[in-house]
Amino acid sequence: MEPRGPDFDAIWKETLMGFFPEAIERIHPAFAGFIDRSRKVRFLDKELRETLGRSPRPRQQVDLLAEVPVKDLDLDWVPTHVEVQRRKDRRFAERMLHYHSALIRRFGPSVMSLAILSDPNPKWRSSELTSGVVGLGNRFEVPICKLSDITDAELESDPNPVNLVILAERVARRHRKDPMALREGKVALFRRMAVLMKSKRYSDQQRQVLTRVLDWSISLPKADEPVFLEQLRQIQGDIPMTYLTTFERHARREGLEQGRQEGRLDGLRAGWVEAVKALATVRFPDWKPSWNRYLESLDDADVLQDWLRLATESSNGAAFLEAIGKRPE
């Protein structure tokens, strides 16, 4: 059975919100140079809905409006509209002009409109609209980033974390009918992420976002998840995977199945125990199998969920045990 296709609309939105300056580096490097990274980007979902709420919004398209702090300009911030278009649309430029005009009416002429074209058609790149008599009319052009123009080698050599999301979508497309290649591609991307996320430049929240979107991007058949997780265990070093969704899902399922087979009523608790044990084993090089008894002694599934969160936030196994009130032996 093939895995369900990923929701790349949700994946791109989460990526943009987690790594906005990095995404702009990929879309529009010149504009990225003016972003003031000492201040936070603020996302204007409410304002976007109010401004574009009645506009035609096709599926296979993500848009996002951000208040982007800037430096070296005569402005404090720039309203920036980013669109991710994943299918060919002959009215794309016209729709972007409509959005751009509506945003200018609300925020003034400093609005930036940018687009990511993530469709696989290399020939389609609708970025401009000309009105009036040919050669004598008006012209509107949207700065675009056509992802199919970027080679795998370019993405692999550039440490921008957004490149991993682009590579993940390619792996999912290319190997959707080959589970082994899909799994190997996913492991390779997680290995790259582990190296990249060791940088102190990224927050724990960003590590969570990137782990989550890579996991979502490449959905494995249920039978391949245990193999994938075992391969993750073999990656050397302290892996900063603070939100292993596949890992947690698999562990919970195994615990529930174990509970059903044994006729126990605490399958949910067993699932959470297995999730915490599995995450601690992967994250903490100092984790001792004997410490699992502390986890197995707890009966409250709600508390175990909280322990899972603490396991994602602790720096090592001993610190995790202290956080849950246990003395490491």
C-alpha atoms as a PDB file:
ATOM      1  CA  MET A   1       0.000   0.000   0.000  1.00  0.00           C
ATOM      2  CA  GLU A   2       1.411   3.387  -1.001  1.00  0.00           C
ATOM      3  CA  PRO A   3       1.574   6.115   1.642  1.00  0.00           C
ATOM      4  CA  ARG A   4      -0.845   8.969   1.469  1.00  0.00           C
ATOM      5  CA  GLY A   5       0.487  11.950  -0.472  1.00  0.00           C
ATOM      6  CA  PRO A   6       1.972  14.787   1.598  1.00  0.00           C
ATOM      7  CA  ASP A   7       0.090  18.060   2.079  1.00  0.00           C
ATOM      8  CA  PHE A   8       2.686  20.386   0.578  1.00  0.00           C
ATOM      9  CA  ASP A   9       0.451  23.432   1.053  1.00  0.00           C
ATOM     10  CA  ALA A  10       0.679  22.970   4.833  1.00  0.00           C
ATOM     11  CA  ILE A  11       4.357  22.036   4.575  1.00  0.00           C
ATOM     12  CA  TRP A  12       5.278  25.219   2.712  1.00  0.00           C
ATOM     13  CA  LYS A  13       3.286  27.441   5.033  1.00  0.00           C
ATOM     14  CA  GLU A  14       5.005  25.994   8.102  1.00  0.00           C
ATOM     15  CA  THR A  15       8.393  26.293   6.392  1.00  0.00           C
ATOM     16  CA  LEU A  16       7.837  29.959   5.555  1.00  0.00           C
ATOM     17  CA  MET A  17       6.712  30.742   9.089  1.00  0.00           C
ATOM     18  CA  GLY A  18       9.633  28.885  10.636  1.00  0.00           C
ATOM     19  CA  PHE A  19      12.370  30.038   8.258  1.00  0.00           C
ATOM     20  CA  PHE A  20      11.140  33.261   6.663  1.00  0.00           C
ATOM     21  CA  PRO A  21      14.505  35.055   6.189  1.00  0.00           C
ATOM     22  CA  GLU A  22      16.026  31.834   4.831  1.00  0.00           C
ATOM     23  CA  ALA A  23      13.123  31.451   2.403  1.00  0.00           C
ATOM     24  CA  ILE A  24      13.631  35.010   1.169  1.00  0.00           C
ATOM     25  CA  GLU A  25      17.316  34.234   0.640  1.00  0.00           C
ATOM     26  CA  ARG A  26      16.191  31.567  -1.800  1.00  0.00           C
ATOM     27  CA  ILE A  27      13.428  33.650  -3.424  1.00  0.00           C
ATOM     28  CA  HIS A  28      14.968  37.106  -3.586  1.00  0.00           C
ATOM     29  CA  PRO A  29      18.571  37.321  -2.283  1.00  0.00           C
ATOM     30  CA  ALA A  30      18.781  41.089  -2.839  1.00  0.00           C
ATOM     31  CA  PHE A  31      15.768  41.750  -0.610  1.00  0.00           C
ATOM     32  CA  ALA A  32      17.044  39.235   1.977  1.00  0.00           C
ATOM     33  CA  GLY A  33      20.123  41.424   2.454  1.00  0.00           C
ATOM     34  CA  PHE A  34      17.943  44.187   3.914  1.00  0.00           C
ATOM     35  CA  ILE A  35      16.149  42.015   6.476  1.00  0.00           C
ATOM     36  CA  ASP A  36      17.022  42.950  10.060  1.00  0.00           C
ATOM     37  CA  ARG A  37      17.507  39.562  11.699  1.00  0.00           C
ATOM     38  CA  SER A  38      17.887  41.093  15.143  1.00  0.00           C
ATOM     39  CA  ARG A  39      14.110  41.654  15.104  1.00  0.00           C
ATOM     40  CA  LYS A  40      11.320  39.148  14.624  1.00  0.00           C
ATOM     41  CA  VAL A  41       9.169  38.812  11.539  1.00  0.00           C
ATOM     42  CA  ARG A  42       5.480  39.227  12.392  1.00  0.00           C
ATOM     43  CA  PHE A  43       2.898  37.341  10.372  1.00  0.00           C
ATOM     44  CA  LEU A  44      -0.304  39.151   9.441  1.00  0.00           C
ATOM     45  CA  ASP A  45      -2.804  36.343   8.891  1.00  0.00           C
ATOM     46  CA  LYS A  46      -5.762  38.403  10.061  1.00  0.00           C
ATOM     47  CA  GLU A  47      -4.820  41.357   7.878  1.00  0.00           C
ATOM     48  CA  LEU A  48      -4.335  39.068   4.886  1.00  0.00           C
ATOM     49  CA  ARG A  49      -7.749  37.501   5.358  1.00  0.00           C
ATOM     50  CA  GLU A  50      -9.381  40.901   5.733  1.00  0.00           C
ATOM     51  CA  THR A  51      -7.692  42.237   2.602  1.00  0.00           C
ATOM     52  CA  LEU A  52      -8.000  39.203   0.327  1.00  0.00           C
ATOM     53  CA  GLY A  53     -10.884  37.363   1.962  1.00  0.00           C
ATOM     54  CA  ARG A  54     -13.220  37.705  -1.001  1.00  0.00           C
ATOM     55  CA  SER A  55     -10.602  37.203  -3.667  1.00  0.00           C
ATOM     56  CA  PRO A  56     -10.612  34.005  -5.731  1.00  0.00           C
ATOM     57  CA  ARG A  57      -8.158  31.641  -3.997  1.00  0.00           C
ATOM     58  CA  PRO A  58      -7.464  28.442  -5.957  1.00  0.00           C
ATOM     59  CA  ARG A  59      -6.289  25.236  -4.378  1.00  0.00           C
ATOM     60  CA  GLN A  60      -2.648  24.176  -4.698  1.00  0.00           C
ATOM     61  CA  GLN A  61      -1.578  27.650  -3.637  1.00  0.00           C
ATOM     62  CA  VAL A  62      -0.310  29.111  -0.359  1.00  0.00           C
ATOM     63  CA  ASP A  63      -0.057  32.772   0.453  1.00  0.00           C
ATOM     64  CA  LEU A  64       1.355  34.526   3.459  1.00  0.00           C
ATOM     65  CA  LEU A  65       1.713  38.157   4.523  1.00  0.00           C
ATOM     66  CA  ALA A  66       4.519  39.243   6.844  1.00  0.00           C
ATOM     67  CA  GLU A  67       5.683  42.410   8.534  1.00  0.00           C
ATOM     68  CA  VAL A  68       9.380  42.163   7.722  1.00  0.00           C
ATOM     69  CA  PRO A  69      11.788  44.337   9.759  1.00  0.00           C
ATOM     70  CA  VAL A  70      14.413  45.951   7.535  1.00  0.00           C
ATOM     71  CA  LYS A  71      17.653  47.892   7.865  1.00  0.00           C
ATOM     72  CA  ASP A  72      19.499  50.368   5.643  1.00  0.00           C
ATOM     73  CA  LEU A  73      16.219  51.559   4.139  1.00  0.00           C
ATOM     74  CA  ASP A  74      14.028  54.567   4.888  1.00  0.00           C
ATOM     75  CA  LEU A  75      11.489  52.173   6.363  1.00  0.00           C
ATOM     76  CA  ASP A  76      11.098  50.299   9.629  1.00  0.00           C
ATOM     77  CA  TRP A  77       9.368  47.327   8.047  1.00  0.00           C
ATOM     78  CA  VAL A  78       8.090  46.115   4.679  1.00  0.00           C
ATOM     79  CA  PRO A  79       4.737  44.364   4.124  1.00  0.00           C
ATOM     80  CA  THR A  80       5.745  41.253   2.199  1.00  0.00           C
ATOM     81  CA  HIS A  81       3.332  38.941   0.425  1.00  0.00           C
ATOM     82  CA  VAL A  82       4.724  35.514  -0.509  1.00  0.00           C
ATOM     83  CA  GLU A  83       2.816  33.139  -2.737  1.00  0.00           C
ATOM     84  CA  VAL A  84       3.660  29.475  -3.281  1.00  0.00           C
ATOM     85  CA  GLN A  85       2.119  28.193  -6.518  1.00  0.00           C
ATOM     86  CA  ARG A  86       2.305  24.436  -7.070  1.00  0.00           C
ATOM     87  CA  ARG A  87       0.267  24.104 -10.289  1.00  0.00           C
ATOM     88  CA  LYS A  88       0.239  25.866 -13.643  1.00  0.00           C
ATOM     89  CA  ASP A  89      -2.332  28.659 -13.609  1.00  0.00           C
ATOM     90  CA  ARG A  90      -2.835  30.846 -16.676  1.00  0.00           C
ATOM     91  CA  ARG A  91      -4.322  33.612 -14.511  1.00  0.00           C
ATOM     92  CA  PHE A  92      -1.525  33.579 -11.948  1.00  0.00           C
ATOM     93  CA  ALA A  93      -0.015  36.993 -12.852  1.00  0.00           C
ATOM     94  CA  GLU A  94      -3.472  38.555 -13.027  1.00  0.00           C
ATOM     95  CA  ARG A  95      -4.328  37.200  -9.585  1.00  0.00           C
ATOM     96  CA  MET A  96      -1.030  38.442  -8.157  1.00  0.00           C
ATOM     97  CA  LEU A  97      -1.741  41.921  -9.528  1.00  0.00           C
ATOM     98  CA  HIS A  98      -5.164  41.835  -7.888  1.00  0.00           C
ATOM     99  CA  TYR A  99      -3.607  40.862  -4.543  1.00  0.00           C
ATOM    100  CA  HIS A 100      -0.809  43.397  -4.892  1.00  0.00           C
ATOM    101  CA  SER A 101      -3.220  46.229  -5.612  1.00  0.00           C
ATOM    102  CA  ALA A 102      -5.415  45.329  -2.641  1.00  0.00           C
ATOM    103  CA  LEU A 103      -2.395  45.240  -0.332  1.00  0.00           C
ATOM    104  CA  ILE A 104      -1.107  48.595  -1.610  1.00  0.00           C
ATOM    105  CA  ARG A 105      -4.464  50.165  -0.862  1.00  0.00           C
ATOM    106  CA  ARG A 106      -4.154  48.961   2.712  1.00  0.00           C
ATOM    107  CA  PHE A 107      -0.411  49.306   3.443  1.00  0.00           C
ATOM    108  CA  GLY A 108       0.906  51.766   0.872  1.00  0.00           C
ATOM    109  CA  PRO A 109       3.377  51.425  -2.020  1.00  0.00           C
ATOM    110  CA  SER A 110       6.138  49.685  -0.042  1.00  0.00           C
ATOM    111  CA  VAL A 111       4.410  46.277  -0.409  1.00  0.00           C
ATOM    112  CA  MET A 112       6.632  43.495  -1.757  1.00  0.00           C
ATOM    113  CA  SER A 113       4.981  40.636  -3.678  1.00  0.00           C
ATOM    114  CA  LEU A 114       7.100  37.532  -4.247  1.00  0.00           C
ATOM    115  CA  ALA A 115       6.320  34.099  -5.641  1.00  0.00           C
ATOM    116  CA  ILE A 116       7.680  30.572  -5.427  1.00  0.00           C
ATOM    117  CA  LEU A 117       6.718  28.399  -8.401  1.00  0.00           C
ATOM    118  CA  SER A 118       7.115  24.827  -7.180  1.00  0.00           C
ATOM    119  CA  ASP A 119       5.324  23.094 -10.063  1.00  0.00           C
ATOM    120  CA  PRO A 120       7.351  20.516 -12.033  1.00  0.00           C
ATOM    121  CA  ASN A 121       6.760  22.156 -15.443  1.00  0.00           C
ATOM    122  CA  PRO A 122      10.060  23.896 -16.386  1.00  0.00           C
ATOM    123  CA  LYS A 123       8.448  25.897 -19.201  1.00  0.00           C
ATOM    124  CA  TRP A 124       5.707  27.596 -17.193  1.00  0.00           C
ATOM    125  CA  ARG A 125       6.809  30.771 -15.439  1.00  0.00           C
ATOM    126  CA  SER A 126       3.975  33.285 -15.547  1.00  0.00           C
ATOM    127  CA  SER A 127       5.531  36.268 -13.794  1.00  0.00           C
ATOM    128  CA  GLU A 128       4.226  39.309 -15.661  1.00  0.00           C
ATOM    129  CA  LEU A 129       1.028  40.838 -16.967  1.00  0.00           C
ATOM    130  CA  THR A 130       0.787  43.441 -19.722  1.00  0.00           C
ATOM    131  CA  SER A 131      -2.354  45.476 -20.226  1.00  0.00           C
ATOM    132  CA  GLY A 132      -3.378  47.920 -22.923  1.00  0.00           C
ATOM    133  CA  VAL A 133      -2.042  47.951 -26.493  1.00  0.00           C
ATOM    134  CA  VAL A 134       0.982  45.702 -27.020  1.00  0.00           C
ATOM    135  CA  GLY A 135       4.149  47.724 -26.576  1.00  0.00           C
ATOM    136  CA  LEU A 136       2.264  50.806 -25.375  1.00  0.00           C
ATOM    137  CA  GLY A 137       0.455  49.616 -22.277  1.00  0.00           C
ATOM    138  CA  ASN A 138       1.300  48.889 -18.629  1.00  0.00           C
ATOM    139  CA  ARG A 139       3.414  46.048 -17.282  1.00  0.00           C
ATOM    140  CA  PHE A 140       3.286  44.318 -13.901  1.00  0.00           C
ATOM    141  CA  GLU A 141       6.021  41.837 -12.977  1.00  0.00           C
ATOM    142  CA  VAL A 142       6.347  39.579  -9.930  1.00  0.00           C
ATOM    143  CA  PRO A 143       9.801  38.461  -8.777  1.00  0.00           C
ATOM    144  CA  ILE A 144       9.641  34.669  -8.919  1.00  0.00           C
ATOM    145  CA  CYS A 145      11.777  31.743  -7.840  1.00  0.00           C
ATOM    146  CA  LYS A 146      11.235  28.776 -10.151  1.00  0.00           C
ATOM    147  CA  LEU A 147      12.306  25.788  -8.092  1.00  0.00           C
ATOM    148  CA  SER A 148      12.789  23.526 -11.105  1.00  0.00           C
ATOM    149  CA  ASP A 149      15.611  25.845 -12.250  1.00  0.00           C
ATOM    150  CA  ILE A 150      17.678  24.859  -9.199  1.00  0.00           C
ATOM    151  CA  THR A 151      19.741  21.690  -9.519  1.00  0.00           C
ATOM    152  CA  ASP A 152      20.043  19.074  -6.790  1.00  0.00           C
ATOM    153  CA  ALA A 153      23.744  19.869  -6.579  1.00  0.00           C
ATOM    154  CA  GLU A 154      22.999  23.534  -5.842  1.00  0.00           C
ATOM    155  CA  LEU A 155      20.524  22.597  -3.130  1.00  0.00           C
ATOM    156  CA  GLU A 156      22.891  20.095  -1.544  1.00  0.00           C
ATOM    157  CA  SER A 157      25.857  22.478  -1.496  1.00  0.00           C
ATOM    158  CA  ASP A 158      23.961  25.432   0.018  1.00  0.00           C
ATOM    159  CA  PRO A 159      23.360  25.149   3.819  1.00  0.00           C
ATOM    160  CA  ASN A 160      20.042  27.032   3.682  1.00  0.00           C
ATOM    161  CA  PRO A 161      17.541  24.772   5.567  1.00  0.00           C
ATOM    162  CA  VAL A 162      14.776  25.645   3.088  1.00  0.00           C
ATOM    163  CA  ASN A 163      16.747  23.683   0.492  1.00  0.00           C
ATOM    164  CA  LEU A 164      16.085  20.505   2.488  1.00  0.00           C
ATOM    165  CA  VAL A 165      12.336  21.076   2.105  1.00  0.00           C
ATOM    166  CA  ILE A 166      12.733  21.487  -1.664  1.00  0.00           C
ATOM    167  CA  LEU A 167      14.825  18.314  -1.828  1.00  0.00           C
ATOM    168  CA  ALA A 168      12.249  16.455   0.272  1.00  0.00           C
ATOM    169  CA  GLU A 169       9.473  17.327  -2.177  1.00  0.00           C
ATOM    170  CA  ARG A 170      11.647  16.039  -5.023  1.00  0.00           C
ATOM    171  CA  VAL A 171      12.360  12.788  -3.200  1.00  0.00           C
ATOM    172  CA  ALA A 172       8.627  12.327  -2.558  1.00  0.00           C
ATOM    173  CA  ARG A 173       7.802  12.914  -6.232  1.00  0.00           C
ATOM    174  CA  ARG A 174      10.577  10.830  -7.745  1.00  0.00           C
ATOM    175  CA  HIS A 175      10.291   7.778  -5.525  1.00  0.00           C
ATOM    176  CA  ARG A 176       6.608   7.658  -4.615  1.00  0.00           C
ATOM    177  CA  LYS A 177       6.379   4.124  -6.098  1.00  0.00           C
ATOM    178  CA  ASP A 178       9.712   2.890  -4.726  1.00  0.00           C
ATOM    179  CA  PRO A 179       9.508   2.517  -0.918  1.00  0.00           C
ATOM    180  CA  MET A 180      13.177   1.604  -0.509  1.00  0.00           C
ATOM    181  CA  ALA A 181      14.413   4.648  -2.436  1.00  0.00           C
ATOM    182  CA  LEU A 182      11.898   6.789  -0.559  1.00  0.00           C
ATOM    183  CA  ARG A 183      13.220   5.591   2.791  1.00  0.00           C
ATOM    184  CA  GLU A 184      16.860   6.010   1.803  1.00  0.00           C
ATOM    185  CA  GLY A 185      16.158   9.520   0.553  1.00  0.00           C
ATOM    186  CA  LYS A 186      14.442  10.406   3.810  1.00  0.00           C
ATOM    187  CA  VAL A 187      17.323   9.069   5.896  1.00  0.00           C
ATOM    188  CA  ALA A 188      19.808  11.068   3.799  1.00  0.00           C
ATOM    189  CA  LEU A 189      17.838  14.285   4.367  1.00  0.00           C
ATOM    190  CA  PHE A 190      17.575  13.677   8.106  1.00  0.00           C
ATOM    191  CA  ARG A 191      21.320  13.112   8.191  1.00  0.00           C
ATOM    192  CA  ARG A 192      21.869  16.458   6.428  1.00  0.00           C
ATOM    193  CA  MET A 193      19.468  18.124   8.819  1.00  0.00           C
ATOM    194  CA  ALA A 194      21.286  16.682  11.839  1.00  0.00           C
ATOM    195  CA  VAL A 195      24.527  18.297  10.676  1.00  0.00           C
ATOM    196  CA  LEU A 196      22.890  21.597   9.747  1.00  0.00           C
ATOM    197  CA  MET A 197      20.856  21.980  12.935  1.00  0.00           C
ATOM    198  CA  LYS A 198      23.926  21.681  15.169  1.00  0.00           C
ATOM    199  CA  SER A 199      24.536  25.339  14.391  1.00  0.00           C
ATOM    200  CA  LYS A 200      23.616  27.615  17.299  1.00  0.00           C
ATOM    201  CA  ARG A 201      22.025  29.911  14.756  1.00  0.00           C
ATOM    202  CA  TYR A 202      18.783  27.916  14.920  1.00  0.00           C
ATOM    203  CA  SER A 203      16.326  27.795  17.804  1.00  0.00           C
ATOM    204  CA  ASP A 204      14.716  24.682  19.261  1.00  0.00           C
ATOM    205  CA  GLN A 205      11.465  25.768  17.637  1.00  0.00           C
ATOM    206  CA  GLN A 206      13.136  25.898  14.218  1.00  0.00           C
ATOM    207  CA  ARG A 207      14.593  22.443  14.773  1.00  0.00           C
ATOM    208  CA  GLN A 208      11.106  21.204  15.546  1.00  0.00           C
ATOM    209  CA  VAL A 209       9.680  22.855  12.425  1.00  0.00           C
ATOM    210  CA  LEU A 210      12.303  21.411  10.098  1.00  0.00           C
ATOM    211  CA  THR A 211      12.020  17.912  11.557  1.00  0.00           C
ATOM    212  CA  ARG A 212       8.241  18.086  11.281  1.00  0.00           C
ATOM    213  CA  VAL A 213       8.128  19.289   7.654  1.00  0.00           C
ATOM    214  CA  LEU A 214      10.723  16.763   6.484  1.00  0.00           C
ATOM    215  CA  ASP A 215       8.764  13.998   8.167  1.00  0.00           C
ATOM    216  CA  TRP A 216       5.517  15.184   6.577  1.00  0.00           C
ATOM    217  CA  SER A 217       7.113  15.611   3.145  1.00  0.00           C
ATOM    218  CA  ILE A 218       8.158  11.980   2.800  1.00  0.00           C
ATOM    219  CA  SER A 219       5.457   9.612   4.037  1.00  0.00           C
ATOM    220  CA  LEU A 220       6.637   6.013   4.303  1.00  0.00           C
ATOM    221  CA  PRO A 221       4.522   2.856   4.172  1.00  0.00           C
ATOM    222  CA  LYS A 222       3.804   1.583   7.667  1.00  0.00           C
ATOM    223  CA  ALA A 223       6.059  -1.437   7.168  1.00  0.00           C
ATOM    224  CA  ASP A 224       9.073   0.781   6.389  1.00  0.00           C
ATOM    225  CA  GLU A 225       8.814   3.041   9.437  1.00  0.00           C
ATOM    226  CA  PRO A 226      10.645   0.663  11.846  1.00  0.00           C
ATOM    227  CA  VAL A 227      13.515   0.298   9.362  1.00  0.00           C
ATOM    228  CA  PHE A 228      13.699   4.073   8.944  1.00  0.00           C
ATOM    229  CA  LEU A 229      13.790   4.589  12.694  1.00  0.00           C
ATOM    230  CA  GLU A 230      16.512   2.001  13.136  1.00  0.00           C
ATOM    231  CA  GLN A 231      18.582   3.767  10.471  1.00  0.00           C
ATOM    232  CA  LEU A 232      18.124   7.033  12.362  1.00  0.00           C
ATOM    233  CA  ARG A 233      19.517   5.420  15.497  1.00  0.00           C
ATOM    234  CA  GLN A 234      22.679   4.593  13.610  1.00  0.00           C
ATOM    235  CA  ILE A 235      23.401   8.189  12.630  1.00  0.00           C
ATOM    236  CA  GLN A 236      26.451   9.195  14.636  1.00  0.00           C
ATOM    237  CA  GLY A 237      26.467  12.150  17.039  1.00  0.00           C
ATOM    238  CA  ASP A 238      23.860  13.957  19.080  1.00  0.00           C
ATOM    239  CA  ILE A 239      20.957  14.288  16.647  1.00  0.00           C
ATOM    240  CA  PRO A 240      18.987  17.476  17.354  1.00  0.00           C
ATOM    241  CA  MET A 241      15.670  15.909  16.329  1.00  0.00           C
ATOM    242  CA  THR A 242      13.412  17.480  18.889  1.00  0.00           C
ATOM    243  CA  TYR A 243      10.118  16.501  17.282  1.00  0.00           C
ATOM    244  CA  LEU A 244      10.348  13.019  15.778  1.00  0.00           C
ATOM    245  CA  THR A 245       6.774  12.693  14.548  1.00  0.00           C
ATOM    246  CA  THR A 246       7.342   9.392  12.731  1.00  0.00           C
ATOM    247  CA  PHE A 247       9.197   8.071  15.746  1.00  0.00           C
ATOM    248  CA  GLU A 248       6.485   9.037  18.210  1.00  0.00           C
ATOM    249  CA  ARG A 249       3.693   7.786  15.966  1.00  0.00           C
ATOM    250  CA  HIS A 250       5.361   4.419  15.506  1.00  0.00           C
ATOM    251  CA  ALA A 251       6.125   4.011  19.201  1.00  0.00           C
ATOM    252  CA  ARG A 252       2.576   4.872  20.248  1.00  0.00           C
ATOM    253  CA  ARG A 253       1.147   2.448  17.692  1.00  0.00           C
ATOM    254  CA  GLU A 254       3.444  -0.333  18.913  1.00  0.00           C
ATOM    255  CA  GLY A 255       2.414   0.320  22.499  1.00  0.00           C
ATOM    256  CA  LEU A 256      -1.285   0.271  21.644  1.00  0.00           C
ATOM    257  CA  GLU A 257      -0.871  -2.951  19.675  1.00  0.00           C
ATOM    258  CA  GLN A 258       1.035  -4.532  22.559  1.00  0.00           C
ATOM    259  CA  GLY A 259      -1.727  -3.516  24.950  1.00  0.00           C
ATOM    260  CA  ARG A 260      -4.401  -5.063  22.728  1.00  0.00           C
ATOM    261  CA  GLN A 261      -2.479  -8.326  22.320  1.00  0.00           C
ATOM    262  CA  GLU A 262      -2.049  -8.664  26.068  1.00  0.00           C
ATOM    263  CA  GLY A 263      -5.672  -7.798  26.741  1.00  0.00           C
ATOM    264  CA  ARG A 264      -4.641  -4.773  28.764  1.00  0.00           C
ATOM    265  CA  LEU A 265      -6.708  -1.641  29.157  1.00  0.00           C
ATOM    266  CA  ASP A 266      -3.696   0.639  29.395  1.00  0.00           C
ATOM    267  CA  GLY A 267      -2.650   0.469  25.747  1.00  0.00           C
ATOM    268  CA  LEU A 268      -2.601   4.257  25.507  1.00  0.00           C
ATOM    269  CA  ARG A 269      -0.259   4.503  28.485  1.00  0.00           C
ATOM    270  CA  ALA A 270       1.938   1.792  26.974  1.00  0.00           C
ATOM    271  CA  GLY A 271       2.064   3.737  23.728  1.00  0.00           C
ATOM    272  CA  TRP A 272       3.285   6.866  25.462  1.00  0.00           C
ATOM    273  CA  VAL A 273       5.837   4.869  27.466  1.00  0.00           C
ATOM    274  CA  GLU A 274       7.225   3.420  24.237  1.00  0.00           C
ATOM    275  CA  ALA A 275       7.310   6.877  22.630  1.00  0.00           C
ATOM    276  CA  VAL A 276       9.297   8.393  25.518  1.00  0.00           C
ATOM    277  CA  LYS A 277      11.661   5.401  25.695  1.00  0.00           C
ATOM    278  CA  ALA A 278      12.263   5.499  21.954  1.00  0.00           C
ATOM    279  CA  LEU A 279      12.869   9.250  21.855  1.00  0.00           C
ATOM    280  CA  ALA A 280      15.248   9.100  24.833  1.00  0.00           C
ATOM    281  CA  THR A 281      17.185   6.255  23.206  1.00  0.00           C
ATOM    282  CA  VAL A 282      17.676   8.249  19.995  1.00  0.00           C
ATOM    283  CA  ARG A 283      18.329  11.672  21.472  1.00  0.00           C
ATOM    284  CA  PHE A 284      20.573  10.864  24.420  1.00  0.00           C
ATOM    285  CA  PRO A 285      23.910   9.066  23.909  1.00  0.00           C
ATOM    286  CA  ASP A 286      24.134   8.638  27.695  1.00  0.00           C
ATOM    287  CA  TRP A 287      20.737   6.926  27.988  1.00  0.00           C
ATOM    288  CA  LYS A 288      20.955   3.590  29.866  1.00  0.00           C
ATOM    289  CA  PRO A 289      18.425   0.795  29.225  1.00  0.00           C
ATOM    290  CA  SER A 290      18.046   0.419  32.993  1.00  0.00           C
ATOM    291  CA  TRP A 291      16.587   3.936  33.145  1.00  0.00           C
ATOM    292  CA  ASN A 292      13.540   2.746  31.187  1.00  0.00           C
ATOM    293  CA  ARG A 293      12.096   1.363  34.422  1.00  0.00           C
ATOM    294  CA  TYR A 294      11.441   4.923  35.607  1.00  0.00           C
ATOM    295  CA  LEU A 295       9.261   5.461  32.562  1.00  0.00           C
ATOM    296  CA  GLU A 296       7.509   2.109  32.858  1.00  0.00           C
ATOM    297  CA  SER A 297       6.528   2.793  36.468  1.00  0.00           C
ATOM    298  CA  LEU A 298       4.201   5.685  35.590  1.00  0.00           C
ATOM    299  CA  ASP A 299       0.496   4.990  35.032  1.00  0.00           C
ATOM    300  CA  ASP A 300      -0.706   8.461  34.008  1.00  0.00           C
ATOM    301  CA  ALA A 301      -0.795   8.895  30.202  1.00  0.00           C
ATOM    302  CA  ASP A 302      -1.195  12.680  30.554  1.00  0.00           C
ATOM    303  CA  VAL A 303       1.994  12.958  32.604  1.00  0.00           C
ATOM    304  CA  LEU A 304       3.784  10.744  30.078  1.00  0.00           C
ATOM    305  CA  GLN A 305       2.852  13.193  27.334  1.00  0.00           C
ATOM    306  CA  ASP A 306       4.469  15.938  29.388  1.00  0.00           C
ATOM    307  CA  TRP A 307       7.548  13.754  29.824  1.00  0.00           C
ATOM    308  CA  LEU A 308       7.734  13.365  26.049  1.00  0.00           C
ATOM    309  CA  ARG A 309       7.896  17.167  25.767  1.00  0.00           C
ATOM    310  CA  LEU A 310      10.635  17.281  28.413  1.00  0.00           C
ATOM    311  CA  ALA A 311      12.556  14.633  26.460  1.00  0.00           C
ATOM    312  CA  THR A 312      12.565  16.928  23.420  1.00  0.00           C
ATOM    313  CA  GLU A 313      13.858  19.866  25.483  1.00  0.00           C
ATOM    314  CA  SER A 314      16.535  18.199  27.661  1.00  0.00           C
ATOM    315  CA  SER A 315      20.197  18.257  26.644  1.00  0.00           C
ATOM    316  CA  ASN A 316      21.038  14.719  27.821  1.00  0.00           C
ATOM    317  CA  GLY A 317      19.557  11.679  29.541  1.00  0.00           C
ATOM    318  CA  ALA A 318      20.643  12.667  33.047  1.00  0.00           C
ATOM    319  CA  ALA A 319      19.105  16.142  32.641  1.00  0.00           C
ATOM    320  CA  PHE A 320      15.864  14.567  31.418  1.00  0.00           C
ATOM    321  CA  LEU A 321      15.657  12.278  34.453  1.00  0.00           C
ATOM    322  CA  GLU A 322      16.231  15.236  36.767  1.00  0.00           C
ATOM    323  CA  ALA A 323      13.487  17.166  34.942  1.00  0.00           C
ATOM    324  CA  ILE A 324      10.969  14.376  35.653  1.00  0.00           C
ATOM    325  CA  GLY A 325      12.081  14.100  39.280  1.00  0.00           C
ATOM    326  CA  LYS A 326      14.179  10.947  39.045  1.00  0.00           C
ATOM    327  CA  ARG A 327      17.745  10.492  40.305  1.00  0.00           C
ATOM    328  CA  PRO A 328      19.999   8.933  37.648  1.00  0.00           C
ATOM    329  CA  GLU A 329      21.946   5.930  38.881  1.00  0.00           C
END
